[in-house]
Amino acid sequence: MATYLDGIVAWHRARADASARSARELEGMVSAARRACEEDPPRPFADALSGRDLALIAEVKRRSPSKGDLAMSLDPARLAAAYEQGGASCLSVLTDSEHFGGSSADLVAARAASSLPVLRKDFTVCDADVCEARIMGADAVLLIVAALSDSELTRFVALAETLGLAALVEVHDEAEAERAVNAGARLVGVNQRDLHSFEVDTARALRMAKALPDGVTTVAESGIANHDDIARLAEAGYDAVLVGEALVRAGDPPAAAEAARVLMRGLPCG
């Protein structure tokens, strides 16, 4: 049965196929990404999540396929600065334009406005996508196990590492978690949104915590709306949570900063 993710990934693969790079062009992109590392070294995304306390990855997100428009007119720079003031450890910025209304300009503006490491949240389907993430200034790249073959996943994890990028490898079930670890993932995100129904299963991350081995930095994603949600995830042992909608919907940047503070206050890592 096809999932909501299938259609989005198909769109990205078609775009990648239409602009396929030759081996020489790809080598040029890798070289450009390495120069970007030298000129603007990546910020330590994974390290920022592995401290003693539960960490917050705060998201810059204009819309979503499930909820529609959230904050189409947001200012990514002001929001990023507010998240930092609110105690976020890292940022996540949607750069998918077709489905989420984001752009690379959002990521550039958000990163320039704060000192936090930034995840490029998009649908990575080819080597060029990994290179583009570093060239635009991202410190981490999202790899969705359900969207990739084992060979692609292993190759993209390795390429990200050579470019100084952290790879947040997103899984939805135990089988995908095993694939992620086998591909060399050291940073694993559990997405609580069901691929078929698009509904959030708030028990998913709690169940999945047991399937993630020691030594892997863990992130819970989707459907995290309040202090109680975060408390349960902290108790389950997660290193970080990724929160988007609850923060974006809080209102202006000062309100978003306060929402971040309220969500995270006094929650030690489990």
C-alpha atoms as a PDB file:
ATOM      1  CA  MET A   1       0.000   0.000   0.000  1.00  0.00           C
ATOM      2  CA  ALA A   2       1.355   3.413  -0.957  1.00  0.00           C
ATOM      3  CA  THR A   3       2.043   5.908   1.834  1.00  0.00           C
ATOM      4  CA  TYR A   4       1.986   9.703   1.937  1.00  0.00           C
ATOM      5  CA  LEU A   5       5.776   9.581   1.926  1.00  0.00           C
ATOM      6  CA  ASP A   6       5.842   7.650  -1.362  1.00  0.00           C
ATOM      7  CA  GLY A   7       4.333  10.532  -3.323  1.00  0.00           C
ATOM      8  CA  ILE A   8       6.682  13.117  -1.849  1.00  0.00           C
ATOM      9  CA  VAL A   9       9.751  10.961  -2.413  1.00  0.00           C
ATOM     10  CA  ALA A  10       8.640  10.181  -5.980  1.00  0.00           C
ATOM     11  CA  TRP A  11       8.446  13.928  -6.663  1.00  0.00           C
ATOM     12  CA  HIS A  12      11.971  14.436  -5.320  1.00  0.00           C
ATOM     13  CA  ARG A  13      13.366  11.486  -7.251  1.00  0.00           C
ATOM     14  CA  ALA A  14      11.810  12.772 -10.464  1.00  0.00           C
ATOM     15  CA  ARG A  15      13.394  16.165  -9.852  1.00  0.00           C
ATOM     16  CA  ALA A  16      16.757  14.546  -9.114  1.00  0.00           C
ATOM     17  CA  ASP A  17      16.532  12.455 -12.288  1.00  0.00           C
ATOM     18  CA  ALA A  18      15.691  15.540 -14.349  1.00  0.00           C
ATOM     19  CA  SER A  19      18.814  17.316 -13.095  1.00  0.00           C
ATOM     20  CA  ALA A  20      21.087  14.281 -12.813  1.00  0.00           C
ATOM     21  CA  ARG A  21      24.758  15.207 -12.552  1.00  0.00           C
ATOM     22  CA  SER A  22      27.539  13.482 -14.417  1.00  0.00           C
ATOM     23  CA  ALA A  23      30.300  11.847 -12.372  1.00  0.00           C
ATOM     24  CA  ARG A  24      32.490  14.878 -13.063  1.00  0.00           C
ATOM     25  CA  GLU A  25      29.792  17.327 -11.978  1.00  0.00           C
ATOM     26  CA  LEU A  26      29.226  15.364  -8.788  1.00  0.00           C
ATOM     27  CA  GLU A  27      32.943  15.421  -8.045  1.00  0.00           C
ATOM     28  CA  GLY A  28      32.771  19.186  -8.428  1.00  0.00           C
ATOM     29  CA  MET A  29      29.917  19.367  -5.922  1.00  0.00           C
ATOM     30  CA  VAL A  30      31.875  17.264  -3.430  1.00  0.00           C
ATOM     31  CA  SER A  31      34.840  19.595  -3.847  1.00  0.00           C
ATOM     32  CA  ALA A  32      32.588  22.633  -3.343  1.00  0.00           C
ATOM     33  CA  ALA A  33      31.142  21.080  -0.192  1.00  0.00           C
ATOM     34  CA  ARG A  34      34.627  20.455   1.168  1.00  0.00           C
ATOM     35  CA  ARG A  35      35.587  24.064   0.459  1.00  0.00           C
ATOM     36  CA  ALA A  36      32.475  25.131   2.348  1.00  0.00           C
ATOM     37  CA  CYS A  37      33.727  23.095   5.313  1.00  0.00           C
ATOM     38  CA  GLU A  38      37.032  24.943   5.235  1.00  0.00           C
ATOM     39  CA  GLU A  39      35.467  28.383   4.883  1.00  0.00           C
ATOM     40  CA  ASP A  40      32.655  27.809   7.385  1.00  0.00           C
ATOM     41  CA  PRO A  41      33.302  24.706   9.496  1.00  0.00           C
ATOM     42  CA  PRO A  42      30.205  22.698  10.392  1.00  0.00           C
ATOM     43  CA  ARG A  43      28.817  23.252  13.858  1.00  0.00           C
ATOM     44  CA  PRO A  44      28.765  20.079  16.017  1.00  0.00           C
ATOM     45  CA  PHE A  45      25.143  18.997  15.651  1.00  0.00           C
ATOM     46  CA  ALA A  46      25.358  15.570  17.300  1.00  0.00           C
ATOM     47  CA  ASP A  47      27.541  16.847  20.143  1.00  0.00           C
ATOM     48  CA  ALA A  48      24.954  19.513  20.930  1.00  0.00           C
ATOM     49  CA  LEU A  49      22.405  16.769  21.619  1.00  0.00           C
ATOM     50  CA  SER A  50      24.508  14.496  23.779  1.00  0.00           C
ATOM     51  CA  GLY A  51      24.777  16.519  26.989  1.00  0.00           C
ATOM     52  CA  ARG A  52      23.331  15.611  30.342  1.00  0.00           C
ATOM     53  CA  ASP A  53      19.921  17.226  29.786  1.00  0.00           C
ATOM     54  CA  LEU A  54      17.272  16.472  27.215  1.00  0.00           C
ATOM     55  CA  ALA A  55      17.955  18.662  24.177  1.00  0.00           C
ATOM     56  CA  LEU A  56      15.502  20.538  21.974  1.00  0.00           C
ATOM     57  CA  ILE A  57      15.737  20.696  18.196  1.00  0.00           C
ATOM     58  CA  ALA A  58      13.416  23.583  17.334  1.00  0.00           C
ATOM     59  CA  GLU A  59      11.985  23.667  13.829  1.00  0.00           C
ATOM     60  CA  VAL A  60      11.464  26.451  11.326  1.00  0.00           C
ATOM     61  CA  LYS A  61       8.421  25.183   9.451  1.00  0.00           C
ATOM     62  CA  ARG A  62       5.951  27.110   7.288  1.00  0.00           C
ATOM     63  CA  ARG A  63       3.438  24.385   6.426  1.00  0.00           C
ATOM     64  CA  SER A  64       2.906  20.619   6.440  1.00  0.00           C
ATOM     65  CA  PRO A  65       0.974  18.224   4.181  1.00  0.00           C
ATOM     66  CA  SER A  66      -1.149  17.077   7.132  1.00  0.00           C
ATOM     67  CA  LYS A  67      -1.947  20.441   8.776  1.00  0.00           C
ATOM     68  CA  GLY A  68      -1.678  22.863   5.856  1.00  0.00           C
ATOM     69  CA  ASP A  69      -0.334  26.363   6.414  1.00  0.00           C
ATOM     70  CA  LEU A  70       1.205  26.911   9.848  1.00  0.00           C
ATOM     71  CA  ALA A  71       3.108  30.185   9.555  1.00  0.00           C
ATOM     72  CA  MET A  72       3.763  31.005   5.915  1.00  0.00           C
ATOM     73  CA  SER A  73       4.965  34.534   6.675  1.00  0.00           C
ATOM     74  CA  LEU A  74       7.405  33.606   9.440  1.00  0.00           C
ATOM     75  CA  ASP A  75      10.809  35.305   9.548  1.00  0.00           C
ATOM     76  CA  PRO A  76      13.343  32.461   9.792  1.00  0.00           C
ATOM     77  CA  ALA A  77      16.060  34.697  11.220  1.00  0.00           C
ATOM     78  CA  ARG A  78      13.898  36.133  14.008  1.00  0.00           C
ATOM     79  CA  LEU A  79      12.457  32.720  14.804  1.00  0.00           C
ATOM     80  CA  ALA A  80      15.895  31.086  14.942  1.00  0.00           C
ATOM     81  CA  ALA A  81      17.168  33.780  17.302  1.00  0.00           C
ATOM     82  CA  ALA A  82      14.099  33.303  19.500  1.00  0.00           C
ATOM     83  CA  TYR A  83      14.604  29.553  19.631  1.00  0.00           C
ATOM     84  CA  GLU A  84      18.182  30.086  20.765  1.00  0.00           C
ATOM     85  CA  GLN A  85      16.997  32.483  23.470  1.00  0.00           C
ATOM     86  CA  GLY A  86      14.413  29.876  24.507  1.00  0.00           C
ATOM     87  CA  GLY A  87      17.086  27.261  25.155  1.00  0.00           C
ATOM     88  CA  ALA A  88      17.085  25.194  21.962  1.00  0.00           C
ATOM     89  CA  SER A  89      20.222  23.154  21.329  1.00  0.00           C
ATOM     90  CA  CYS A  90      19.835  22.877  17.546  1.00  0.00           C
ATOM     91  CA  LEU A  91      17.626  24.080  14.715  1.00  0.00           C
ATOM     92  CA  SER A  92      15.774  22.139  12.028  1.00  0.00           C
ATOM     93  CA  VAL A  93      14.842  24.051   8.881  1.00  0.00           C
ATOM     94  CA  LEU A  94      12.500  22.742   6.180  1.00  0.00           C
ATOM     95  CA  THR A  95      13.938  23.456   2.737  1.00  0.00           C
ATOM     96  CA  ASP A  96      11.330  21.519   0.720  1.00  0.00           C
ATOM     97  CA  SER A  97       9.357  24.130  -1.235  1.00  0.00           C
ATOM     98  CA  GLU A  98       6.741  21.990  -2.968  1.00  0.00           C
ATOM     99  CA  HIS A  99       5.254  20.323   0.118  1.00  0.00           C
ATOM    100  CA  PHE A 100       6.415  22.406   3.103  1.00  0.00           C
ATOM    101  CA  GLY A 101       6.866  25.903   1.690  1.00  0.00           C
ATOM    102  CA  GLY A 102      10.503  26.071   2.757  1.00  0.00           C
ATOM    103  CA  SER A 103      13.681  27.021   0.934  1.00  0.00           C
ATOM    104  CA  SER A 104      17.446  27.061   1.182  1.00  0.00           C
ATOM    105  CA  ALA A 105      17.125  30.795   1.900  1.00  0.00           C
ATOM    106  CA  ASP A 106      15.246  29.933   5.099  1.00  0.00           C
ATOM    107  CA  LEU A 107      18.157  27.781   6.235  1.00  0.00           C
ATOM    108  CA  VAL A 108      20.777  30.387   5.355  1.00  0.00           C
ATOM    109  CA  ALA A 109      18.871  33.106   7.232  1.00  0.00           C
ATOM    110  CA  ALA A 110      18.217  30.934  10.294  1.00  0.00           C
ATOM    111  CA  ARG A 111      21.822  29.811  10.595  1.00  0.00           C
ATOM    112  CA  ALA A 112      23.162  33.338  10.222  1.00  0.00           C
ATOM    113  CA  ALA A 113      20.885  34.572  13.017  1.00  0.00           C
ATOM    114  CA  SER A 114      22.036  32.102  15.663  1.00  0.00           C
ATOM    115  CA  SER A 115      25.043  30.105  16.831  1.00  0.00           C
ATOM    116  CA  LEU A 116      23.125  26.815  16.856  1.00  0.00           C
ATOM    117  CA  PRO A 117      23.869  23.840  14.588  1.00  0.00           C
ATOM    118  CA  VAL A 118      21.272  23.460  11.829  1.00  0.00           C
ATOM    119  CA  LEU A 119      19.643  20.395  10.293  1.00  0.00           C
ATOM    120  CA  ARG A 120      18.563  20.618   6.680  1.00  0.00           C
ATOM    121  CA  LYS A 121      15.203  18.868   6.831  1.00  0.00           C
ATOM    122  CA  ASP A 122      14.343  17.696   3.347  1.00  0.00           C
ATOM    123  CA  PHE A 123      13.977  14.505   1.330  1.00  0.00           C
ATOM    124  CA  THR A 124      17.481  13.346   0.500  1.00  0.00           C
ATOM    125  CA  VAL A 125      17.421  11.005  -2.491  1.00  0.00           C
ATOM    126  CA  CYS A 126      20.806  11.438  -4.183  1.00  0.00           C
ATOM    127  CA  ASP A 127      24.450  12.277  -3.494  1.00  0.00           C
ATOM    128  CA  ALA A 128      23.929  15.805  -4.793  1.00  0.00           C
ATOM    129  CA  ASP A 129      21.339  16.455  -2.067  1.00  0.00           C
ATOM    130  CA  VAL A 130      23.933  15.658   0.605  1.00  0.00           C
ATOM    131  CA  CYS A 131      26.468  17.960  -1.037  1.00  0.00           C
ATOM    132  CA  GLU A 132      23.908  20.751  -1.411  1.00  0.00           C
ATOM    133  CA  ALA A 133      23.144  20.579   2.300  1.00  0.00           C
ATOM    134  CA  ARG A 134      26.758  21.389   3.190  1.00  0.00           C
ATOM    135  CA  ILE A 135      27.120  23.985   0.423  1.00  0.00           C
ATOM    136  CA  MET A 136      24.084  25.918   1.720  1.00  0.00           C
ATOM    137  CA  GLY A 137      25.560  25.839   5.218  1.00  0.00           C
ATOM    138  CA  ALA A 138      23.737  22.970   6.936  1.00  0.00           C
ATOM    139  CA  ASP A 139      25.469  21.140   9.760  1.00  0.00           C
ATOM    140  CA  ALA A 140      23.319  18.009   9.491  1.00  0.00           C
ATOM    141  CA  VAL A 141      21.263  16.226   6.852  1.00  0.00           C
ATOM    142  CA  LEU A 142      18.094  14.134   7.209  1.00  0.00           C
ATOM    143  CA  LEU A 143      18.073  10.586   5.817  1.00  0.00           C
ATOM    144  CA  ILE A 144      14.709   8.790   5.898  1.00  0.00           C
ATOM    145  CA  VAL A 145      15.154   5.025   5.971  1.00  0.00           C
ATOM    146  CA  ALA A 146      11.721   4.376   4.437  1.00  0.00           C
ATOM    147  CA  ALA A 147      12.703   6.451   1.397  1.00  0.00           C
ATOM    148  CA  LEU A 148      16.065   4.837   0.691  1.00  0.00           C
ATOM    149  CA  SER A 149      17.574   1.499  -0.257  1.00  0.00           C
ATOM    150  CA  ASP A 150      20.210  -0.012   2.014  1.00  0.00           C
ATOM    151  CA  SER A 151      22.965   0.885  -0.443  1.00  0.00           C
ATOM    152  CA  GLU A 152      21.771   4.494  -0.700  1.00  0.00           C
ATOM    153  CA  LEU A 153      21.484   4.797   3.056  1.00  0.00           C
ATOM    154  CA  THR A 154      24.993   3.463   3.660  1.00  0.00           C
ATOM    155  CA  ARG A 155      26.452   5.662   0.916  1.00  0.00           C
ATOM    156  CA  PHE A 156      24.745   8.850   2.116  1.00  0.00           C
ATOM    157  CA  VAL A 157      25.764   8.268   5.745  1.00  0.00           C
ATOM    158  CA  ALA A 158      29.378   7.851   4.629  1.00  0.00           C
ATOM    159  CA  LEU A 159      29.263  10.863   2.297  1.00  0.00           C
ATOM    160  CA  ALA A 160      27.803  13.069   5.013  1.00  0.00           C
ATOM    161  CA  GLU A 161      30.602  12.052   7.343  1.00  0.00           C
ATOM    162  CA  THR A 162      33.287  12.912   4.788  1.00  0.00           C
ATOM    163  CA  LEU A 163      31.718  16.370   4.395  1.00  0.00           C
ATOM    164  CA  GLY A 164      31.565  17.030   8.135  1.00  0.00           C
ATOM    165  CA  LEU A 165      27.783  16.650   8.287  1.00  0.00           C
ATOM    166  CA  ALA A 166      25.879  14.786  10.964  1.00  0.00           C
ATOM    167  CA  ALA A 167      23.296  12.394   9.506  1.00  0.00           C
ATOM    168  CA  LEU A 168      19.986  12.236  11.365  1.00  0.00           C
ATOM    169  CA  VAL A 169      18.652   8.872  10.210  1.00  0.00           C
ATOM    170  CA  GLU A 170      14.879   8.731  10.625  1.00  0.00           C
ATOM    171  CA  VAL A 171      13.039   5.480  11.354  1.00  0.00           C
ATOM    172  CA  HIS A 172       9.429   4.440  11.962  1.00  0.00           C
ATOM    173  CA  ASP A 173       9.738   0.880  13.287  1.00  0.00           C
ATOM    174  CA  GLU A 174      12.161  -1.714  14.641  1.00  0.00           C
ATOM    175  CA  ALA A 175      13.089  -3.083  11.214  1.00  0.00           C
ATOM    176  CA  GLU A 176      14.042   0.380  10.006  1.00  0.00           C
ATOM    177  CA  ALA A 177      16.023   0.968  13.205  1.00  0.00           C
ATOM    178  CA  GLU A 178      18.065  -2.147  12.464  1.00  0.00           C
ATOM    179  CA  ARG A 179      18.697  -0.944   8.905  1.00  0.00           C
ATOM    180  CA  ALA A 180      19.806   2.451  10.205  1.00  0.00           C
ATOM    181  CA  VAL A 181      22.301   0.974  12.649  1.00  0.00           C
ATOM    182  CA  ASN A 182      23.630  -1.447  10.021  1.00  0.00           C
ATOM    183  CA  ALA A 183      24.225   1.535   7.709  1.00  0.00           C
ATOM    184  CA  GLY A 184      26.421   3.171  10.338  1.00  0.00           C
ATOM    185  CA  ALA A 185      23.937   5.642  11.812  1.00  0.00           C
ATOM    186  CA  ARG A 186      25.039   7.209  15.064  1.00  0.00           C
ATOM    187  CA  LEU A 187      22.155   9.683  15.289  1.00  0.00           C
ATOM    188  CA  VAL A 188      18.687   8.115  14.979  1.00  0.00           C
ATOM    189  CA  GLY A 189      15.332   9.890  14.979  1.00  0.00           C
ATOM    190  CA  VAL A 190      12.066   8.060  15.681  1.00  0.00           C
ATOM    191  CA  ASN A 191       9.185   9.641  13.767  1.00  0.00           C
ATOM    192  CA  GLN A 192       5.885   9.000  15.526  1.00  0.00           C
ATOM    193  CA  ARG A 193       3.793   9.841  12.454  1.00  0.00           C
ATOM    194  CA  ASP A 194       2.309   6.782  10.785  1.00  0.00           C
ATOM    195  CA  LEU A 195       3.290   6.511   7.123  1.00  0.00           C
ATOM    196  CA  HIS A 196      -0.116   5.160   6.076  1.00  0.00           C
ATOM    197  CA  SER A 197      -2.652   7.140   8.079  1.00  0.00           C
ATOM    198  CA  PHE A 198      -0.511  10.248   8.692  1.00  0.00           C
ATOM    199  CA  GLU A 199      -1.745  10.088  12.290  1.00  0.00           C
ATOM    200  CA  VAL A 200       0.613  10.414  15.257  1.00  0.00           C
ATOM    201  CA  ASP A 201       1.165   7.363  17.442  1.00  0.00           C
ATOM    202  CA  THR A 202       2.468   8.777  20.720  1.00  0.00           C
ATOM    203  CA  ALA A 203       3.384   5.303  21.976  1.00  0.00           C
ATOM    204  CA  ARG A 204       5.728   4.658  19.044  1.00  0.00           C
ATOM    205  CA  ALA A 205       8.774   6.477  20.401  1.00  0.00           C
ATOM    206  CA  LEU A 206       8.328   4.915  23.841  1.00  0.00           C
ATOM    207  CA  ARG A 207       8.239   1.433  22.294  1.00  0.00           C
ATOM    208  CA  MET A 208      11.092   2.149  19.901  1.00  0.00           C
ATOM    209  CA  ALA A 209      13.412   3.388  22.652  1.00  0.00           C
ATOM    210  CA  LYS A 210      14.032  -0.260  23.542  1.00  0.00           C
ATOM    211  CA  ALA A 211      15.145  -1.063  19.989  1.00  0.00           C
ATOM    212  CA  LEU A 212      17.893   1.564  19.840  1.00  0.00           C
ATOM    213  CA  PRO A 213      21.323   0.389  20.980  1.00  0.00           C
ATOM    214  CA  ASP A 214      23.606   2.101  23.463  1.00  0.00           C
ATOM    215  CA  GLY A 215      26.008   4.529  21.839  1.00  0.00           C
ATOM    216  CA  VAL A 216      23.415   5.923  19.437  1.00  0.00           C
ATOM    217  CA  THR A 217      22.152   9.466  20.019  1.00  0.00           C
ATOM    218  CA  THR A 218      18.345   9.313  19.925  1.00  0.00           C
ATOM    219  CA  VAL A 219      15.749  11.893  18.875  1.00  0.00           C
ATOM    220  CA  ALA A 220      11.954  11.665  19.167  1.00  0.00           C
ATOM    221  CA  GLU A 221      10.024  13.429  16.397  1.00  0.00           C
ATOM    222  CA  SER A 222       6.433  14.447  15.533  1.00  0.00           C
ATOM    223  CA  GLY A 223       3.378  14.946  17.692  1.00  0.00           C
ATOM    224  CA  ILE A 224       5.260  16.462  20.634  1.00  0.00           C
ATOM    225  CA  ALA A 225       2.946  19.167  21.876  1.00  0.00           C
ATOM    226  CA  ASN A 226       3.342  19.725  25.608  1.00  0.00           C
ATOM    227  CA  HIS A 227       5.335  19.280  28.775  1.00  0.00           C
ATOM    228  CA  ASP A 228       3.839  15.842  29.502  1.00  0.00           C
ATOM    229  CA  ASP A 229       4.841  14.507  26.075  1.00  0.00           C
ATOM    230  CA  ILE A 230       8.421  15.600  26.638  1.00  0.00           C
ATOM    231  CA  ALA A 231       8.516  14.252  30.198  1.00  0.00           C
ATOM    232  CA  ARG A 232       7.559  10.782  28.961  1.00  0.00           C
ATOM    233  CA  LEU A 233      10.222  10.860  26.246  1.00  0.00           C
ATOM    234  CA  ALA A 234      12.865  12.047  28.684  1.00  0.00           C
ATOM    235  CA  GLU A 235      11.973   9.199  31.029  1.00  0.00           C
ATOM    236  CA  ALA A 236      12.233   6.738  28.128  1.00  0.00           C
ATOM    237  CA  GLY A 237      15.841   7.806  27.652  1.00  0.00           C
ATOM    238  CA  TYR A 238      15.768   9.994  24.558  1.00  0.00           C
ATOM    239  CA  ASP A 239      18.629  12.443  24.138  1.00  0.00           C
ATOM    240  CA  ALA A 240      16.558  15.021  22.251  1.00  0.00           C
ATOM    241  CA  VAL A 241      13.151  15.939  20.891  1.00  0.00           C
ATOM    242  CA  LEU A 242      12.368  17.673  17.623  1.00  0.00           C
ATOM    243  CA  VAL A 243       9.435  20.077  17.924  1.00  0.00           C
ATOM    244  CA  GLY A 244       7.975  22.137  15.115  1.00  0.00           C
ATOM    245  CA  GLU A 245       4.257  22.754  15.034  1.00  0.00           C
ATOM    246  CA  ALA A 246       3.819  23.460  18.760  1.00  0.00           C
ATOM    247  CA  LEU A 247       6.500  26.161  18.602  1.00  0.00           C
ATOM    248  CA  VAL A 248       5.575  27.707  15.256  1.00  0.00           C
ATOM    249  CA  ARG A 249       1.936  27.982  16.308  1.00  0.00           C
ATOM    250  CA  ALA A 250       2.922  29.754  19.534  1.00  0.00           C
ATOM    251  CA  GLY A 251       2.879  33.078  17.708  1.00  0.00           C
ATOM    252  CA  ASP A 252       5.511  35.763  17.323  1.00  0.00           C
ATOM    253  CA  PRO A 253       9.183  34.978  18.046  1.00  0.00           C
ATOM    254  CA  PRO A 254       9.061  36.038  21.724  1.00  0.00           C
ATOM    255  CA  ALA A 255       6.085  33.722  22.223  1.00  0.00           C
ATOM    256  CA  ALA A 256       7.943  30.912  20.472  1.00  0.00           C
ATOM    257  CA  ALA A 257      10.939  31.452  22.730  1.00  0.00           C
ATOM    258  CA  GLU A 258       8.728  31.272  25.814  1.00  0.00           C
ATOM    259  CA  ALA A 259       7.007  28.141  24.476  1.00  0.00           C
ATOM    260  CA  ALA A 260      10.423  26.481  24.115  1.00  0.00           C
ATOM    261  CA  ARG A 261      11.336  27.425  27.684  1.00  0.00           C
ATOM    262  CA  VAL A 262       8.064  26.058  29.054  1.00  0.00           C
ATOM    263  CA  LEU A 263       8.390  22.782  27.137  1.00  0.00           C
ATOM    264  CA  MET A 264      11.923  22.042  28.281  1.00  0.00           C
ATOM    265  CA  ARG A 265      12.143  23.470  31.783  1.00  0.00           C
ATOM    266  CA  GLY A 266      13.435  21.075  34.413  1.00  0.00           C
ATOM    267  CA  LEU A 267      13.539  17.889  32.344  1.00  0.00           C
ATOM    268  CA  PRO A 268      16.702  15.857  32.911  1.00  0.00           C
ATOM    269  CA  CYS A 269      17.613  13.238  30.340  1.00  0.00           C
ATOM    270  CA  GLY A 270      16.467   9.745  31.251  1.00  0.00           C
END
